Protein backbone atom coordinates (compact mmCIF):
# COMPACT_ATOMS: atom_id res chain seq x y z
CA MET A 1 227.40 269.41 229.89
CA GLU A 2 229.87 267.06 228.19
CA GLU A 3 229.35 263.34 228.06
CA ALA A 4 232.18 261.12 229.19
CA TYR A 5 233.81 259.04 226.50
CA GLN A 6 232.71 255.45 226.89
CA PRO A 7 233.88 253.16 224.08
CA GLU A 8 231.59 250.42 222.85
CA PRO A 9 232.56 246.86 223.75
CA PRO A 10 234.34 244.94 220.98
CA ALA A 11 232.24 243.06 218.46
CA ASP A 12 232.51 239.29 218.17
CA ASP A 13 234.39 239.55 214.89
CA ASP A 14 236.81 242.32 215.95
CA VAL A 15 240.47 241.40 215.67
CA ARG A 16 241.97 241.08 219.13
CA VAL A 17 245.18 243.05 219.60
CA ASP A 18 247.54 242.78 222.52
CA PRO A 19 248.44 246.43 223.15
CA GLY A 20 251.44 245.42 225.27
CA GLY A 21 252.84 242.95 222.77
CA PRO A 22 255.82 243.71 220.58
CA VAL A 23 255.24 244.63 216.96
CA PRO A 24 257.62 242.75 214.69
CA PRO A 25 259.49 244.71 212.04
CA PRO A 26 258.17 244.71 208.47
CA GLY A 27 258.94 241.64 206.44
CA GLU A 28 258.63 237.89 206.77
CA GLU A 29 258.40 237.85 210.57
CA ARG A 30 255.53 240.33 210.60
CA GLU A 31 253.73 238.41 207.86
CA GLN A 32 254.13 235.16 209.83
CA THR A 33 252.87 236.83 213.00
CA GLN A 34 249.84 238.14 211.13
CA ALA A 35 249.19 234.71 209.55
CA ASP A 36 249.43 233.06 212.98
CA ALA A 37 246.97 235.56 214.45
CA GLU A 38 244.53 234.99 211.58
CA ALA A 39 244.80 231.21 211.99
CA GLU A 40 244.16 231.50 215.73
CA PHE A 41 241.15 233.75 215.12
CA LEU A 42 239.78 231.26 212.60
CA ARG A 43 240.42 228.33 214.95
CA SER A 44 238.59 230.05 217.81
CA GLU A 45 235.62 231.04 215.61
CA LEU A 46 235.27 227.56 214.16
CA ALA A 47 235.50 225.97 217.61
CA ARG A 48 232.88 228.38 218.88
CA HIS A 49 230.38 227.63 216.11
CA LEU A 50 230.94 223.95 215.28
CA GLU A 51 229.64 221.29 217.60
CA ARG A 52 231.40 217.94 217.83
CA ALA A 53 228.38 216.15 216.38
CA ALA A 54 229.07 217.88 213.05
CA PHE A 55 232.20 215.77 212.49
CA PRO A 56 233.31 214.10 210.35
CA ALA A 57 232.23 216.71 207.84
CA ASP A 58 232.90 217.87 204.33
CA ARG A 59 233.16 221.50 203.26
CA GLN A 60 229.42 221.91 202.63
CA THR A 61 228.47 220.42 206.00
CA VAL A 62 230.89 222.77 207.77
CA LEU A 63 229.43 225.74 205.87
CA ASP A 64 225.87 224.68 206.67
CA VAL A 65 226.62 224.41 210.40
CA LEU A 66 228.51 227.72 210.47
CA GLU A 67 225.68 229.51 208.66
CA ALA A 68 223.10 228.00 211.04
CA HIS A 69 225.15 229.32 213.97
CA HIS A 70 225.57 232.78 212.40
CA ALA A 71 229.37 232.55 212.24
CA PRO A 72 231.22 235.67 211.08
CA ASP A 73 231.73 236.20 207.36
CA ALA A 74 235.51 235.82 207.75
CA ALA A 75 235.06 232.24 209.00
CA LEU A 76 232.57 231.43 206.23
CA ASP A 77 234.86 232.89 203.55
CA ALA A 78 237.81 230.86 204.84
CA VAL A 79 235.82 227.61 204.81
CA ARG A 80 234.63 228.34 201.26
CA ARG A 81 238.30 228.11 200.22
CA LEU A 82 238.44 224.45 201.29
CA PRO A 83 238.71 221.97 198.41
CA ASP A 84 235.72 219.86 197.44
CA GLY A 85 235.87 216.24 198.47
CA GLY A 86 237.82 216.66 201.70
CA GLU A 87 236.62 215.18 204.98
CA TYR A 88 237.51 216.83 208.27
CA HIS A 89 237.39 215.25 211.72
CA ASN A 90 237.99 218.37 213.81
CA VAL A 91 238.63 222.12 213.72
CA THR A 92 242.42 221.68 213.58
CA GLU A 93 242.16 219.70 210.33
CA ILE A 94 240.02 222.44 208.81
CA VAL A 95 242.44 225.20 209.80
CA ARG A 96 245.44 223.23 208.47
CA ALA A 97 243.68 222.61 205.15
CA ILE A 98 242.82 226.30 204.81
CA ASP A 99 246.37 227.29 205.73
CA ARG A 100 247.86 224.89 203.13
CA ARG A 101 245.43 226.18 200.53
CA HIS A 102 246.32 229.80 201.39
CA LYS A 103 250.09 229.16 201.13
CA GLY A 104 249.82 227.04 198.00
């Protein structure tokens, strides 16, 4: 007797893909689309794991809170790229700082 194929549900850190969405052609547009998707994933993970009471926060405080909430490694790695000495008042500021750091 064969078992029916039943896929496992997605993990919390799986990249979400819209199967009906258009795939941009190779090049700058595709890279920008990928960067936007990564930024949105990071924004959602940070928002999910950082409570408002954590702000304002520096890089180490953000890391400490994320680690305490068992955030995915991708979010932790991104926050580790933040410069020392910065102070962040919300998730958007963190994502912008990481994005600037990544582009620069």
